[in-house]
Protein backbone atom coordinates (compact mmCIF):
# COMPACT_ATOMS: atom_id res chain seq x y z
CA MET A 1 89.88 139.02 227.01
CA ALA A 2 90.46 135.64 228.51
CA ASP A 3 90.50 132.60 226.24
CA THR A 4 88.61 130.64 228.78
CA ILE A 5 85.94 131.31 231.30
CA ARG A 6 86.75 129.65 234.77
CA ILE A 7 84.06 129.90 237.54
CA GLU A 8 82.91 128.03 240.45
CA SER A 9 79.13 128.90 241.53
CA PHE A 10 75.98 127.48 243.15
CA ARG A 11 72.37 128.43 243.02
CA SER A 12 70.28 128.70 246.25
CA ALA A 13 66.69 129.71 245.57
CA ASP A 14 67.10 133.11 243.75
CA MET A 15 70.70 133.66 244.62
CA ILE A 16 73.75 132.32 242.54
CA VAL A 17 76.88 132.82 244.48
CA GLY A 18 80.26 132.20 243.00
CA ARG A 19 83.79 133.46 242.10
CA LEU A 20 85.81 134.22 238.81
CA PHE A 21 88.93 132.50 238.50
CA PRO A 22 92.14 134.55 237.36
CA GLY A 23 92.10 135.45 233.64
CA THR A 24 88.32 135.02 233.49
CA ASP A 25 86.83 138.22 232.04
CA LEU A 26 84.23 140.15 234.38
CA ILE A 27 81.36 140.35 232.18
CA PRO A 28 81.54 137.31 230.16
CA GLY A 29 82.02 135.34 233.60
CA LEU A 30 79.00 137.04 235.26
CA LEU A 31 76.73 136.05 231.89
CA GLU A 32 78.40 132.41 231.97
CA ALA A 33 77.23 132.09 235.61
CA CYS A 34 73.70 133.21 234.55
CA ARG A 35 73.56 130.50 231.67
CA ILE A 36 74.73 127.73 233.76
CA HIS A 37 72.10 128.29 236.29
CA GLU A 38 69.46 129.18 233.84
CA ALA A 39 68.86 132.68 234.90
CA ARG A 40 67.82 135.29 232.12
CA SER A 41 67.63 138.03 234.49
CA ALA A 42 69.60 139.11 237.48
CA VAL A 43 70.70 142.13 239.91
CA ILE A 44 74.39 142.15 241.11
CA SER A 45 73.79 141.90 245.19
CA SER A 46 77.35 141.90 245.80
CA LEU A 47 80.87 141.99 243.93
CA ILE A 48 84.15 142.40 245.05
CA GLY A 49 87.56 141.40 243.82
CA SER A 50 90.75 142.57 241.77
CA LEU A 51 91.21 142.79 238.02
CA ARG A 52 94.41 142.19 236.22
CA GLU A 53 93.50 145.65 234.07
CA THR A 54 90.43 147.43 233.29
CA ALA A 55 88.37 149.14 230.48
CA PHE A 56 85.55 151.25 231.19
CA VAL A 57 83.59 154.10 229.47
CA PHE A 58 81.80 157.21 230.70
CA ILE A 59 79.21 159.50 228.96
CA LYS A 60 80.30 162.70 227.14
CA PRO A 61 77.94 165.46 225.73
CA ALA A 62 76.57 164.83 222.26
CA LYS A 63 74.26 167.66 221.20
CA ASP A 64 73.69 166.00 217.71
CA LEU A 65 72.00 162.74 219.38
CA ALA A 66 68.35 162.44 220.95
CA ALA A 67 69.63 161.41 224.40
CA GLY A 68 72.31 164.31 224.28
CA ILE A 69 74.75 162.07 225.57
CA LYS A 70 77.17 159.30 224.21
CA TYR A 71 79.74 156.88 225.74
CA GLY A 72 83.18 158.13 225.34
CA GLU A 73 86.32 156.00 224.02
CA PRO A 74 87.07 153.27 226.76
CA VAL A 75 89.56 154.13 229.44
CA HIS A 76 92.19 151.64 230.09
CA VAL A 77 93.99 151.20 233.22
CA ALA A 78 96.66 148.43 233.60
CA GLY A 79 98.66 146.98 236.49
CA GLY A 80 95.97 145.81 238.70
CA VAL A 81 93.02 147.39 240.41
CA GLU A 82 90.65 146.64 243.22
CA ILE A 83 86.70 146.65 242.84
CA ILE A 84 85.69 148.44 245.69
CA SER A 85 81.73 148.47 244.61
CA CYS A 86 80.14 147.29 241.72
CA GLN A 87 76.37 147.18 240.96
CA GLY A 88 74.25 146.51 237.65
CA MET A 89 71.65 144.19 235.90
CA LEU A 90 71.79 141.13 233.75
CA GLY A 91 69.03 140.48 231.13
CA THR A 92 68.64 139.72 227.40
CA TRP A 93 68.61 141.49 224.24
CA GLY A 94 65.02 142.37 222.68
CA GLU A 95 65.00 142.72 218.94
CA GLY A 96 67.62 142.60 216.43
CA PRO A 97 70.65 140.23 215.65
CA GLN A 98 71.49 139.87 219.34
CA SER A 99 67.80 138.96 220.33
CA GLY A 100 67.55 136.58 223.33
CA GLN A 101 71.39 136.78 223.79
CA LEU A 102 72.49 137.45 227.64
CA THR A 103 73.82 141.19 228.23
CA ALA A 104 74.83 143.33 231.13
CA HIS A 105 74.94 146.95 232.36
CA VAL A 106 77.26 147.15 234.95
CA HIS A 107 78.93 150.20 236.81
CA TYR A 108 81.67 150.01 239.36
CA SER A 109 84.32 152.11 241.37
CA LEU A 110 87.99 150.87 241.58
CA VAL A 111 91.26 151.92 242.84
CA ASP A 112 94.60 151.10 241.55
CA THR A 113 97.90 150.23 243.04
CA ARG A 114 98.88 153.89 243.33
CA GLY A 115 95.46 154.69 245.49
CA ALA A 116 93.93 156.52 242.34
CA SER A 117 90.32 155.93 242.03
CA TYR A 118 88.29 155.28 238.71
CA PHE A 119 84.34 155.07 238.19
CA GLY A 120 82.34 154.04 235.13
CA HIS A 121 80.31 151.67 233.08
CA VAL A 122 82.24 148.37 232.79
CA SER A 123 83.28 147.53 228.99
CA ASP A 124 81.81 144.25 227.94
CA THR A 125 85.46 142.81 227.44
CA GLY A 126 88.90 143.83 228.82
CA ASN A 127 88.47 143.06 232.51
CA PRO A 128 90.40 139.94 233.55
CA CYS A 129 90.13 138.63 237.08
CA LEU A 130 93.59 139.12 238.67
CA ILE A 131 93.39 136.91 242.16
CA THR A 132 89.38 136.17 242.70
CA VAL A 133 86.17 138.28 241.73
CA GLU A 134 83.36 137.00 244.20
CA PHE A 135 79.95 137.62 243.25
CA ALA A 136 76.30 137.26 244.44
CA LEU A 137 73.69 137.71 241.74
CA ARG A 138 69.94 137.82 242.69
CA VAL A 139 67.80 136.02 240.13
CA VAL A 140 64.79 138.00 238.92
CA GLU A 141 61.64 135.69 238.66
CA GLY A 142 58.31 136.73 237.81
CA GLY A 143 59.36 139.42 235.24
CA SER A 144 62.13 140.09 232.67
CA ILE A 145 65.21 142.69 232.30
CA VAL A 146 65.35 143.15 228.47
CA ARG A 147 67.59 145.81 226.63
CA ARG A 148 66.22 147.62 223.81
CA ILE A 149 66.68 150.59 221.93
CA ASP A 150 64.56 153.27 223.34
CA PRO A 151 62.69 155.14 220.21
CA GLU A 152 62.86 158.20 221.99
CA LEU A 153 66.46 158.43 222.90
CA GLY A 154 68.11 155.94 220.21
CA PHE A 155 69.81 154.43 223.12
CA PRO A 156 70.07 151.02 224.42
CA VAL A 157 68.20 150.86 227.77
CA PHE A 158 66.71 147.84 229.89
CA THR A 159 63.07 147.61 230.13
CA PHE A 160 61.11 145.91 232.89
CA ARG A 161 58.05 143.79 232.23
């Protein structure tokens, strides 16, 4: 994870547009853009760029859990990757010790320096920018995106109100 978050961005009506500088971790950088521009809920409209390395997870069967799935151990890819597509939502945690804190649910597809492709759920840290990450976030107004533990599944999900 980067020690510092360096971004440049602006807000125009309901859009936050900007870039992350080298070394800035992807998810903390996006959350910081929301903090700077006082956005509590947003959707990733566009995000492209490169990462020095990356960490992501994907689901695995878990018959003992109500959801029937869980996230596996993080997959780490070093040596540089290009983000081909990225989508997701940013909101806040509901109840619990993280209540009110910004959080993200982001998925991406990547290609590494050998042409191998990867897809998955972006880990909260471990994704430092290589050259640039350029993004456009659409701010959600008139409602909120809040992460809660779903009582039926026992799994954190975003809710929409």
